[in-house]
Amino acid sequence: MKCPICNIYLGKSVLANVEVDYCSRCYGLWFQEGEMEAAKDEKDRDLRWLDIDLWKDPARFVISPQKKMCPKDRMPLYEVKYGDSTIKADLCNLCHGVWLDRGEFKNIVVYLREKAEHRVLYHYAKDLFQEAWEIFSGPEMLREEILDFLAILKLLMYKFASQYGTLSKMIISLPR
């Protein structure tokens, strides 16, 4: 496979326990389908409940202005803005691979941490119920959905303990 920017062969590397392809010249990363989600979950386990869904809104896909080609299929990559951030990812509509330029994976993790903090503070009940529902209906395997639910539950416990310290201590001191 060749780099969509430099047109040199990609090497292999391990990022957060996931083997990915990378360019030794521009340091871009190629994630095959599912690898970016796995790397994100391994990089920060508290973010596992936040799904990366770059294919959610195909109307936002724009052919990459730099005419980047998919390393696997040699078809044009689509550029899509990541959520409401300024990060742009390049996607292959055929193999669902993702090309990230240098530093963009780190930027996505930082963006997701900020998003998670905001969501846990302001939408915690909705997110908790949604994750509970996904245990029965979710797009991932049952084990993965349970781990997502437990991750958001752990975050909520931390937020509750930090916001309501006295009440939290009283609950902990109750007899069992």
C-alpha atoms as a PDB file:
ATOM      1  CA  MET A   1       0.000   0.000   0.000  1.00  0.00           C
ATOM      2  CA  LYS A   2       1.187   3.521  -0.800  1.00  0.00           C
ATOM      3  CA  CYS A   3       0.842   6.768   1.104  1.00  0.00           C
ATOM      4  CA  PRO A   4      -1.955   8.955  -0.314  1.00  0.00           C
ATOM      5  CA  ILE A   5       0.261  12.025   0.080  1.00  0.00           C
ATOM      6  CA  CYS A   6       3.869  10.942  -0.556  1.00  0.00           C
ATOM      7  CA  ASN A   7       3.142   7.955  -2.808  1.00  0.00           C
ATOM      8  CA  ILE A   8       5.744   5.799  -1.017  1.00  0.00           C
ATOM      9  CA  TYR A   9       5.095   2.369   0.481  1.00  0.00           C
ATOM     10  CA  LEU A  10       3.607   2.364   3.962  1.00  0.00           C
ATOM     11  CA  GLY A  11       5.326   0.646   6.855  1.00  0.00           C
ATOM     12  CA  LYS A  12       3.747  -1.145   9.801  1.00  0.00           C
ATOM     13  CA  SER A  13       3.682   0.181  13.339  1.00  0.00           C
ATOM     14  CA  VAL A  14       1.796  -0.444  16.562  1.00  0.00           C
ATOM     15  CA  LEU A  15      -0.365   2.360  17.919  1.00  0.00           C
ATOM     16  CA  ALA A  16      -2.148   1.655  21.214  1.00  0.00           C
ATOM     17  CA  ASN A  17      -1.785  -2.118  20.710  1.00  0.00           C
ATOM     18  CA  VAL A  18      -3.236  -1.914  17.183  1.00  0.00           C
ATOM     19  CA  GLU A  19      -1.096  -2.579  14.129  1.00  0.00           C
ATOM     20  CA  VAL A  20      -1.552   0.262  11.650  1.00  0.00           C
ATOM     21  CA  ASP A  21       0.123   1.341   8.425  1.00  0.00           C
ATOM     22  CA  TYR A  22       2.086   4.588   8.472  1.00  0.00           C
ATOM     23  CA  CYS A  23       4.150   6.778   6.157  1.00  0.00           C
ATOM     24  CA  SER A  24       7.759   7.225   7.210  1.00  0.00           C
ATOM     25  CA  ARG A  25       7.938  10.573   5.405  1.00  0.00           C
ATOM     26  CA  CYS A  26       4.774  12.494   6.376  1.00  0.00           C
ATOM     27  CA  TYR A  27       3.849  10.348   9.432  1.00  0.00           C
ATOM     28  CA  GLY A  28       0.268   9.879   8.267  1.00  0.00           C
ATOM     29  CA  LEU A  29      -1.655   6.847   9.550  1.00  0.00           C
ATOM     30  CA  TRP A  30      -3.837   4.384   7.654  1.00  0.00           C
ATOM     31  CA  PHE A  31      -6.474   2.584   9.713  1.00  0.00           C
ATOM     32  CA  GLN A  32      -8.314  -0.310   8.159  1.00  0.00           C
ATOM     33  CA  GLU A  33     -11.955  -0.773   9.125  1.00  0.00           C
ATOM     34  CA  GLY A  34     -12.358  -0.975  12.910  1.00  0.00           C
ATOM     35  CA  GLU A  35      -8.701  -0.225  13.724  1.00  0.00           C
ATOM     36  CA  MET A  36      -9.196   3.441  14.611  1.00  0.00           C
ATOM     37  CA  GLU A  37     -11.994   2.594  17.072  1.00  0.00           C
ATOM     38  CA  ALA A  38      -9.844  -0.143  18.638  1.00  0.00           C
ATOM     39  CA  ALA A  39      -6.845   2.210  18.949  1.00  0.00           C
ATOM     40  CA  LYS A  40      -9.032   4.917  20.525  1.00  0.00           C
ATOM     41  CA  ASP A  41     -10.483   2.436  23.030  1.00  0.00           C
ATOM     42  CA  GLU A  42      -7.015   1.184  23.944  1.00  0.00           C
ATOM     43  CA  LYS A  43      -5.528   4.707  24.165  1.00  0.00           C
ATOM     44  CA  ASP A  44      -8.161   5.894  26.656  1.00  0.00           C
ATOM     45  CA  ARG A  45     -10.512   3.251  28.073  1.00  0.00           C
ATOM     46  CA  ASP A  46     -12.786   5.940  29.525  1.00  0.00           C
ATOM     47  CA  LEU A  47     -13.663   6.985  25.958  1.00  0.00           C
ATOM     48  CA  ARG A  48     -14.795   3.565  24.788  1.00  0.00           C
ATOM     49  CA  TRP A  49     -18.491   4.511  25.118  1.00  0.00           C
ATOM     50  CA  LEU A  50     -18.031   7.328  22.593  1.00  0.00           C
ATOM     51  CA  ASP A  51     -18.273   5.767  19.161  1.00  0.00           C
ATOM     52  CA  ILE A  52     -16.340   7.058  16.178  1.00  0.00           C
ATOM     53  CA  ASP A  53     -18.893   7.228  13.388  1.00  0.00           C
ATOM     54  CA  LEU A  54     -17.348   9.029  10.463  1.00  0.00           C
ATOM     55  CA  TRP A  55     -19.851   7.476   8.027  1.00  0.00           C
ATOM     56  CA  LYS A  56     -22.887   8.839   9.857  1.00  0.00           C
ATOM     57  CA  ASP A  57     -23.654  11.650   7.400  1.00  0.00           C
ATOM     58  CA  PRO A  58     -22.588  10.878   3.787  1.00  0.00           C
ATOM     59  CA  ALA A  59     -23.906  14.287   2.694  1.00  0.00           C
ATOM     60  CA  ARG A  60     -20.828  15.807   4.401  1.00  0.00           C
ATOM     61  CA  PHE A  61     -18.390  13.761   2.286  1.00  0.00           C
ATOM     62  CA  VAL A  62     -16.299  15.817  -0.127  1.00  0.00           C
ATOM     63  CA  ILE A  63     -13.766  14.371  -2.552  1.00  0.00           C
ATOM     64  CA  SER A  64     -10.388  15.230  -1.063  1.00  0.00           C
ATOM     65  CA  PRO A  65      -9.133  18.452  -2.706  1.00  0.00           C
ATOM     66  CA  GLN A  66      -5.594  17.019  -2.774  1.00  0.00           C
ATOM     67  CA  LYS A  67      -6.779  14.018  -4.836  1.00  0.00           C
ATOM     68  CA  LYS A  68      -5.701  11.523  -2.197  1.00  0.00           C
ATOM     69  CA  MET A  69      -6.121   7.875  -3.179  1.00  0.00           C
ATOM     70  CA  CYS A  70      -7.011   4.984  -0.871  1.00  0.00           C
ATOM     71  CA  PRO A  71      -3.866   2.968  -0.114  1.00  0.00           C
ATOM     72  CA  LYS A  72      -5.841  -0.271  -0.315  1.00  0.00           C
ATOM     73  CA  ASP A  73      -8.295   0.266  -3.199  1.00  0.00           C
ATOM     74  CA  ARG A  74      -6.592   3.118  -5.115  1.00  0.00           C
ATOM     75  CA  MET A  75      -9.927   4.960  -5.259  1.00  0.00           C
ATOM     76  CA  PRO A  76     -10.358   8.656  -4.338  1.00  0.00           C
ATOM     77  CA  LEU A  77     -10.639   9.339  -0.619  1.00  0.00           C
ATOM     78  CA  TYR A  78     -13.468  11.442   0.759  1.00  0.00           C
ATOM     79  CA  GLU A  79     -12.675  14.221   3.193  1.00  0.00           C
ATOM     80  CA  VAL A  80     -15.039  14.580   6.130  1.00  0.00           C
ATOM     81  CA  LYS A  81     -14.953  16.932   9.071  1.00  0.00           C
ATOM     82  CA  TYR A  82     -14.775  15.008  12.350  1.00  0.00           C
ATOM     83  CA  GLY A  83     -17.903  15.840  14.324  1.00  0.00           C
ATOM     84  CA  ASP A  84     -18.058  19.544  15.112  1.00  0.00           C
ATOM     85  CA  SER A  85     -14.262  19.818  15.380  1.00  0.00           C
ATOM     86  CA  THR A  86     -11.817  21.272  12.862  1.00  0.00           C
ATOM     87  CA  ILE A  87     -10.220  17.843  12.333  1.00  0.00           C
ATOM     88  CA  LYS A  88     -10.585  16.396   8.838  1.00  0.00           C
ATOM     89  CA  ALA A  89     -10.290  12.694   8.131  1.00  0.00           C
ATOM     90  CA  ASP A  90      -9.980  11.049   4.726  1.00  0.00           C
ATOM     91  CA  LEU A  91     -12.254   8.047   4.209  1.00  0.00           C
ATOM     92  CA  CYS A  92     -12.534   5.265   1.681  1.00  0.00           C
ATOM     93  CA  ASN A  93     -16.138   4.567   0.879  1.00  0.00           C
ATOM     94  CA  LEU A  94     -15.304   1.039  -0.338  1.00  0.00           C
ATOM     95  CA  CYS A  95     -13.144  -0.503   2.399  1.00  0.00           C
ATOM     96  CA  HIS A  96     -14.083   1.975   5.185  1.00  0.00           C
ATOM     97  CA  GLY A  97     -10.424   2.694   5.839  1.00  0.00           C
ATOM     98  CA  VAL A  98      -9.406   6.031   7.370  1.00  0.00           C
ATOM     99  CA  TRP A  99      -6.348   8.160   6.560  1.00  0.00           C
ATOM    100  CA  LEU A 100      -5.239  10.639   9.232  1.00  0.00           C
ATOM    101  CA  ASP A 101      -2.511  13.184   8.655  1.00  0.00           C
ATOM    102  CA  ARG A 102       0.244  13.642  11.233  1.00  0.00           C
ATOM    103  CA  GLY A 103      -1.115  14.444  14.693  1.00  0.00           C
ATOM    104  CA  GLU A 104      -4.784  14.005  13.807  1.00  0.00           C
ATOM    105  CA  PHE A 105      -5.257  10.813  15.854  1.00  0.00           C
ATOM    106  CA  LYS A 106      -3.984  12.635  18.945  1.00  0.00           C
ATOM    107  CA  ASN A 107      -6.274  15.574  18.142  1.00  0.00           C
ATOM    108  CA  ILE A 108      -9.263  13.216  17.855  1.00  0.00           C
ATOM    109  CA  VAL A 109      -8.531  11.697  21.280  1.00  0.00           C
ATOM    110  CA  VAL A 110      -8.224  15.185  22.837  1.00  0.00           C
ATOM    111  CA  TYR A 111     -11.479  16.251  21.131  1.00  0.00           C
ATOM    112  CA  LEU A 112     -13.265  13.116  22.409  1.00  0.00           C
ATOM    113  CA  ARG A 113     -12.016  13.721  25.968  1.00  0.00           C
ATOM    114  CA  GLU A 114     -13.476  17.232  25.900  1.00  0.00           C
ATOM    115  CA  LYS A 115     -16.715  15.972  24.374  1.00  0.00           C
ATOM    116  CA  ALA A 116     -16.971  13.192  26.968  1.00  0.00           C
ATOM    117  CA  GLU A 117     -16.454  15.635  29.820  1.00  0.00           C
ATOM    118  CA  HIS A 118     -19.190  17.910  28.499  1.00  0.00           C
ATOM    119  CA  ARG A 119     -21.605  15.029  27.857  1.00  0.00           C
ATOM    120  CA  VAL A 120     -21.040  13.449  31.269  1.00  0.00           C
ATOM    121  CA  LEU A 121     -21.672  16.791  32.978  1.00  0.00           C
ATOM    122  CA  TYR A 122     -24.769  17.815  31.025  1.00  0.00           C
ATOM    123  CA  HIS A 123     -26.272  14.722  29.375  1.00  0.00           C
ATOM    124  CA  TYR A 124     -25.362  11.975  31.815  1.00  0.00           C
ATOM    125  CA  ALA A 125     -28.835  10.484  32.283  1.00  0.00           C
ATOM    126  CA  LYS A 126     -29.518  10.361  28.554  1.00  0.00           C
ATOM    127  CA  ASP A 127     -26.107   8.814  27.796  1.00  0.00           C
ATOM    128  CA  LEU A 128     -26.433   6.265  30.595  1.00  0.00           C
ATOM    129  CA  PHE A 129     -29.866   5.142  29.367  1.00  0.00           C
ATOM    130  CA  GLN A 130     -28.637   5.060  25.763  1.00  0.00           C
ATOM    131  CA  GLU A 131     -25.672   2.866  26.697  1.00  0.00           C
ATOM    132  CA  ALA A 132     -27.970   0.603  28.754  1.00  0.00           C
ATOM    133  CA  TRP A 133     -30.298   0.272  25.764  1.00  0.00           C
ATOM    134  CA  GLU A 134     -27.374  -0.541  23.461  1.00  0.00           C
ATOM    135  CA  ILE A 135     -26.608  -3.586  25.620  1.00  0.00           C
ATOM    136  CA  PHE A 136     -29.766  -5.112  24.105  1.00  0.00           C
ATOM    137  CA  SER A 137     -29.841  -3.427  20.722  1.00  0.00           C
ATOM    138  CA  GLY A 138     -26.433  -1.849  20.139  1.00  0.00           C
ATOM    139  CA  PRO A 139     -24.332  -2.033  17.034  1.00  0.00           C
ATOM    140  CA  GLU A 140     -21.394  -3.718  18.815  1.00  0.00           C
ATOM    141  CA  MET A 141     -21.047  -7.157  20.372  1.00  0.00           C
ATOM    142  CA  LEU A 142     -22.720  -7.676  23.788  1.00  0.00           C
ATOM    143  CA  ARG A 143     -19.392  -7.678  25.649  1.00  0.00           C
ATOM    144  CA  GLU A 144     -18.364  -4.388  24.029  1.00  0.00           C
ATOM    145  CA  GLU A 145     -21.704  -2.751  24.849  1.00  0.00           C
ATOM    146  CA  ILE A 146     -21.460  -3.858  28.499  1.00  0.00           C
ATOM    147  CA  LEU A 147     -17.918  -2.443  28.714  1.00  0.00           C
ATOM    148  CA  ASP A 148     -19.180   0.851  27.186  1.00  0.00           C
ATOM    149  CA  PHE A 149     -21.962   1.003  29.803  1.00  0.00           C
ATOM    150  CA  LEU A 150     -19.527   0.314  32.648  1.00  0.00           C
ATOM    151  CA  ALA A 151     -17.132   2.996  31.354  1.00  0.00           C
ATOM    152  CA  ILE A 152     -19.801   5.711  31.406  1.00  0.00           C
ATOM    153  CA  LEU A 153     -21.059   4.471  34.790  1.00  0.00           C
ATOM    154  CA  LYS A 154     -17.516   4.809  36.193  1.00  0.00           C
ATOM    155  CA  LEU A 155     -17.239   8.349  34.816  1.00  0.00           C
ATOM    156  CA  LEU A 156     -20.564   9.251  36.386  1.00  0.00           C
ATOM    157  CA  MET A 157     -19.426   7.928  39.767  1.00  0.00           C
ATOM    158  CA  TYR A 158     -16.293  10.090  39.563  1.00  0.00           C
ATOM    159  CA  LYS A 159     -18.309  13.168  38.581  1.00  0.00           C
ATOM    160  CA  PHE A 160     -20.838  12.542  41.339  1.00  0.00           C
ATOM    161  CA  ALA A 161     -18.105  12.080  43.947  1.00  0.00           C
ATOM    162  CA  SER A 162     -16.337  15.267  42.882  1.00  0.00           C
ATOM    163  CA  GLN A 163     -19.505  17.401  42.714  1.00  0.00           C
ATOM    164  CA  TYR A 164     -21.266  16.042  45.787  1.00  0.00           C
ATOM    165  CA  GLY A 165     -18.414  15.055  48.097  1.00  0.00           C
ATOM    166  CA  THR A 166     -20.359  15.185  51.358  1.00  0.00           C
ATOM    167  CA  LEU A 167     -23.311  13.246  49.972  1.00  0.00           C
ATOM    168  CA  SER A 168     -20.940  10.740  48.423  1.00  0.00           C
ATOM    169  CA  LYS A 169     -19.202  10.160  51.779  1.00  0.00           C
ATOM    170  CA  MET A 170     -22.574   9.680  53.480  1.00  0.00           C
ATOM    171  CA  ILE A 171     -23.628   7.066  50.930  1.00  0.00           C
ATOM    172  CA  ILE A 172     -20.326   5.204  51.293  1.00  0.00           C
ATOM    173  CA  SER A 173     -20.621   5.175  55.103  1.00  0.00           C
ATOM    174  CA  LEU A 174     -24.117   3.607  55.060  1.00  0.00           C
ATOM    175  CA  PRO A 175     -24.246   0.104  56.566  1.00  0.00           C
ATOM    176  CA  ARG A 176     -24.446  -2.726  54.096  1.00  0.00           C
END
